[in-house]
Amino acid sequence: MGAARGAAGLVQLEKMAKTDPSGDVRAQVSFALFVSKEPGTTEEMIRMAREDESPHVRGQGLFWLAQKARSKAENVIAGAITSDPDTEVKKKAVFALSQMPKDEGVPKLIEVAQKNKNPKCGSRRCSGWGSREIRGPWNFSREF
């Protein structure tokens, strides 16, 4: 629906994202927004990642947001790591950062590891730390 229905499809997706009672359906909406080429999808993905009642939906929203809107996603994802009440969402946010290009995601991963007070998301225990090989100016292992 997101890619094939244009602006009308986006209106339906936004409605589903806000009103469908099923968290599984809303999680699928986040993917449909990801594939949509319509302007405005990023804003709805940000809203879902920040505000949806379901931790699963927020986590999916963060992942697809990281894939679609890297520059806008970084701060939203970092905000989820520090502010979301659900530890699983925080872990998904760390994983989403790890999937971004290393020049974008890695500095935020290091910042999270150094500053995050949640022991489950401020260390290598969070999913994502071991998911990529890091090369460049950082000696990642020494940072921890």
Foldseek 3Di string as FASTA:
>chain_A
DQAPPEPVVVVVLLCCCPDPPDLVVNLVSLVSLLNHPYPPSLVSLLCQLPPPPDLSSVLSSLQSSCVRPVVVNLVSLLCCLAPPPDVVSNLSSLQSLLPHPCVRSVVSLLVQLVPPPPPCRNHPNRPRPPPDDDDDPDPVVVSD
